[in-house]
Amino acid sequence: MTQSKKEAHPGAHTCKGCTEKEAIIADITDTAKRVQAEFENYQKRMAKEQELSRAFALEAFFKKLLPLLDSIDQAQKHASGDQETGKGITLINQQLWSILKEEGMQRMSCVGKAYDPHLAEVMLTTETEESQPSNIVLEEFQAGYLLGGKVLRHAKVRISVQKEHDDQANKSKDETHDA
């Protein structure tokens, strides 16, 4: 039977109609592969855009929450005399922070650390003696926050600076008068 089929279509693979059909099939296959690759790239691009959109929406939402977090901090400080109220505020704060941390938000802790201009904004400076280090955050006026490692709000702080000696202060005054 195999021989009869070959005899019925001698040179079946070399006929003009077969090569045209094979070329059309190859062209359609190539087009389908390209369309599939474009669709996969489209899906990846849409997933990235959705993630960016979600991140921007979260950031905007968390920025709106910052005054509320500041108010809760102030309420905790002022409710120290009333234990029941203080406990209630603390519980609410803990619940809120468990949600915020799940979403990647964290409060910066700056006090006692070296001043970092990428994380904090200096509101005041305090002169310190030579024996004490300079550019250390001494006090935090307003908390700073990070969202996914990105600064959501810079902390507002007071830092230490080296006290100028009277000799150095006089020299700098003399130099300005000489100029």
Protein backbone atom coordinates (compact mmCIF):
# COMPACT_ATOMS: atom_id res chain seq x y z
CA MET A 1 0.00 0.00 0.00
CA THR A 2 2.81 2.33 0.76
CA GLN A 3 4.21 1.91 -2.71
CA SER A 4 0.90 2.58 -4.38
CA LYS A 5 0.55 5.89 -2.53
CA LYS A 6 4.01 6.91 -3.61
CA GLU A 7 3.21 5.98 -7.18
CA ALA A 8 -0.05 7.90 -7.06
CA HIS A 9 1.80 11.05 -5.97
CA PRO A 10 5.29 10.84 -7.31
CA GLY A 11 7.43 13.71 -5.94
CA ALA A 12 4.61 14.80 -3.62
CA HIS A 13 6.99 16.91 -1.52
CA THR A 14 8.42 18.71 -4.47
CA CYS A 15 5.23 19.70 -6.22
CA LYS A 16 4.50 23.41 -6.54
CA GLY A 17 1.17 23.26 -4.70
CA CYS A 18 2.73 21.50 -1.72
CA THR A 19 5.51 24.04 -1.26
CA GLU A 20 3.01 26.88 -1.46
CA LYS A 21 0.86 25.20 1.17
CA GLU A 22 3.90 24.61 3.38
CA ALA A 23 4.95 28.25 2.95
CA ILE A 24 1.44 29.43 3.88
CA ILE A 25 1.41 27.13 6.92
CA ALA A 26 4.87 28.36 7.97
CA ASP A 27 3.75 31.98 7.52
CA ILE A 28 0.57 31.44 9.56
CA THR A 29 2.56 29.61 12.25
CA ASP A 30 5.08 32.47 12.40
CA THR A 31 2.29 35.05 12.63
CA ALA A 32 0.57 33.06 15.41
CA LYS A 33 3.83 32.87 17.37
CA ARG A 34 4.37 36.63 17.01
CA VAL A 35 0.80 37.38 18.10
CA GLN A 36 1.19 35.06 21.07
CA ALA A 37 4.48 36.74 22.08
CA GLU A 38 2.90 40.20 21.72
CA PHE A 39 -0.04 39.10 23.87
CA GLU A 40 2.28 37.73 26.57
CA ASN A 41 4.23 41.02 26.56
CA TYR A 42 0.92 42.90 26.79
CA GLN A 43 -0.10 40.82 29.82
CA LYS A 44 3.25 41.51 31.53
CA ARG A 45 3.01 45.23 30.75
CA MET A 46 -0.56 45.39 32.12
CA ALA A 47 0.48 43.56 35.31
CA LYS A 48 3.31 46.09 35.83
CA GLU A 49 0.96 49.02 35.20
CA GLN A 50 -1.59 47.61 37.64
CA GLU A 51 1.10 47.19 40.30
CA LEU A 52 2.31 50.77 39.75
CA SER A 53 -1.26 52.05 39.92
CA ARG A 54 -1.80 50.15 43.17
CA ALA A 55 1.44 51.53 44.62
CA PHE A 56 0.48 55.12 43.73
CA ALA A 57 -3.00 54.67 45.21
CA LEU A 58 -1.55 53.20 48.42
CA GLU A 59 0.94 56.04 48.71
CA ALA A 60 -1.77 58.65 48.28
CA PHE A 61 -3.98 56.89 50.84
CA PHE A 62 -1.17 56.57 53.39
CA LYS A 63 -0.28 60.25 52.99
CA LYS A 64 -3.87 61.08 53.93
CA LEU A 65 -3.50 58.88 57.04
CA LEU A 66 -0.41 60.71 58.35
CA PRO A 67 -2.35 63.42 60.24
CA LEU A 68 -4.41 60.67 61.89
CA LEU A 69 -1.23 58.87 62.99
CA ASP A 70 0.10 62.16 64.40
CA SER A 71 -3.17 62.68 66.31
CA ILE A 72 -3.03 59.16 67.76
CA ASP A 73 0.56 59.79 68.91
CA GLN A 74 -0.50 63.05 70.58
CA ALA A 75 -3.51 61.36 72.20
CA GLN A 76 -1.26 58.63 73.62
CA LYS A 77 1.09 61.23 75.11
CA HIS A 78 -1.73 63.21 76.70
CA ALA A 79 -3.74 60.20 77.94
CA SER A 80 -0.99 59.02 80.26
CA GLY A 81 -3.00 60.20 83.31
CA ASP A 82 -6.10 58.19 82.40
CA GLN A 83 -5.08 54.53 82.23
CA GLU A 84 -8.30 53.24 80.61
CA THR A 85 -8.21 55.83 77.84
CA GLY A 86 -4.49 55.27 77.37
CA LYS A 87 -5.01 51.51 77.01
CA GLY A 88 -7.79 52.05 74.47
CA ILE A 89 -5.70 54.41 72.37
CA THR A 90 -2.73 52.03 72.54
CA LEU A 91 -4.88 49.10 71.35
CA ILE A 92 -6.28 51.13 68.45
CA ASN A 93 -2.76 52.24 67.52
CA GLN A 94 -1.48 48.65 67.61
CA GLN A 95 -4.32 47.42 65.39
CA LEU A 96 -3.79 50.21 62.91
CA TRP A 97 -0.04 49.57 62.77
CA SER A 98 -0.50 45.86 62.18
CA ILE A 99 -2.45 46.74 59.02
CA LEU A 100 0.00 49.44 57.94
CA LYS A 101 3.01 47.14 58.39
CA GLU A 102 1.34 44.45 56.26
CA GLU A 103 1.20 47.00 53.46
CA GLY A 104 4.89 47.91 53.83
CA MET A 105 4.67 51.09 55.90
CA GLN A 106 7.04 51.73 58.78
CA ARG A 107 7.84 54.57 61.12
CA MET A 108 11.41 55.87 61.07
CA SER A 109 13.33 56.05 64.29
CA CYS A 110 15.85 58.88 64.10
CA VAL A 111 16.59 59.94 67.69
CA GLY A 112 20.14 59.09 68.75
CA LYS A 113 21.24 58.28 65.21
CA ALA A 114 23.37 60.23 62.75
CA TYR A 115 21.40 62.80 60.79
CA ASP A 116 20.51 61.62 57.28
CA PRO A 117 19.22 64.38 54.99
CA HIS A 118 17.42 61.77 52.87
CA LEU A 119 15.26 60.78 55.83
CA ALA A 120 14.90 63.89 57.98
CA GLU A 121 14.55 67.65 57.79
CA VAL A 122 16.40 69.78 60.34
CA MET A 123 14.14 72.23 62.15
CA LEU A 124 16.53 73.27 64.94
CA THR A 125 20.15 72.80 65.92
CA THR A 126 21.71 72.64 69.38
CA GLU A 127 25.35 73.39 70.05
CA THR A 128 27.23 70.63 71.87
CA GLU A 129 30.66 70.39 73.43
CA GLU A 130 33.63 69.06 71.47
CA SER A 131 33.49 65.76 73.32
CA GLN A 132 29.97 65.07 72.02
CA PRO A 133 29.38 64.00 68.42
CA SER A 134 27.97 66.38 65.87
CA ASN A 135 25.02 65.79 63.51
CA ILE A 136 23.20 63.45 65.87
CA VAL A 137 19.39 63.63 66.01
CA LEU A 138 18.50 64.84 69.51
CA GLU A 139 14.74 65.21 69.19
CA GLU A 140 11.97 64.34 66.76
CA PHE A 141 9.25 66.97 66.34
CA GLN A 142 7.26 65.07 63.74
CA ALA A 143 7.61 61.39 62.85
CA GLY A 144 8.88 60.32 59.46
CA TYR A 145 7.51 57.32 57.58
CA LEU A 146 8.67 54.90 54.90
CA LEU A 147 6.47 52.98 52.48
CA GLY A 148 8.20 50.06 50.86
CA GLY A 149 11.59 51.57 51.67
CA LYS A 150 10.65 54.91 50.05
CA VAL A 151 10.27 58.05 52.15
CA LEU A 152 6.61 58.90 52.55
CA ARG A 153 7.29 61.84 54.87
CA HIS A 154 10.60 63.18 56.18
CA ALA A 155 10.98 63.37 59.94
CA LYS A 156 11.29 66.87 61.39
CA VAL A 157 14.17 66.89 63.87
CA ARG A 158 16.61 68.82 66.06
CA ILE A 159 20.29 67.88 65.65
CA SER A 160 23.53 68.53 67.47
CA VAL A 161 26.25 70.77 66.04
CA GLN A 162 29.73 71.45 67.37
CA LYS A 163 30.00 74.55 69.52
CA GLU A 164 32.28 77.14 68.01
CA HIS A 165 35.24 78.15 70.15
CA ASP A 166 35.62 81.82 70.94
CA ASP A 167 38.93 81.86 69.01
CA GLN A 168 37.30 80.42 65.90
CA ALA A 169 34.31 82.73 66.20
CA ASN A 170 36.60 85.76 66.54
CA LYS A 171 38.70 84.65 63.54
CA SER A 172 35.64 84.25 61.36
CA LYS A 173 34.38 87.68 62.48
CA ASP A 174 37.79 89.24 61.75
CA GLU A 175 37.88 87.66 58.31
CA THR A 176 34.48 89.04 57.45
CA HIS A 177 35.50 92.53 58.65
CA ASP A 178 38.76 92.38 56.63
CA ALA A 179 36.94 91.56 53.43
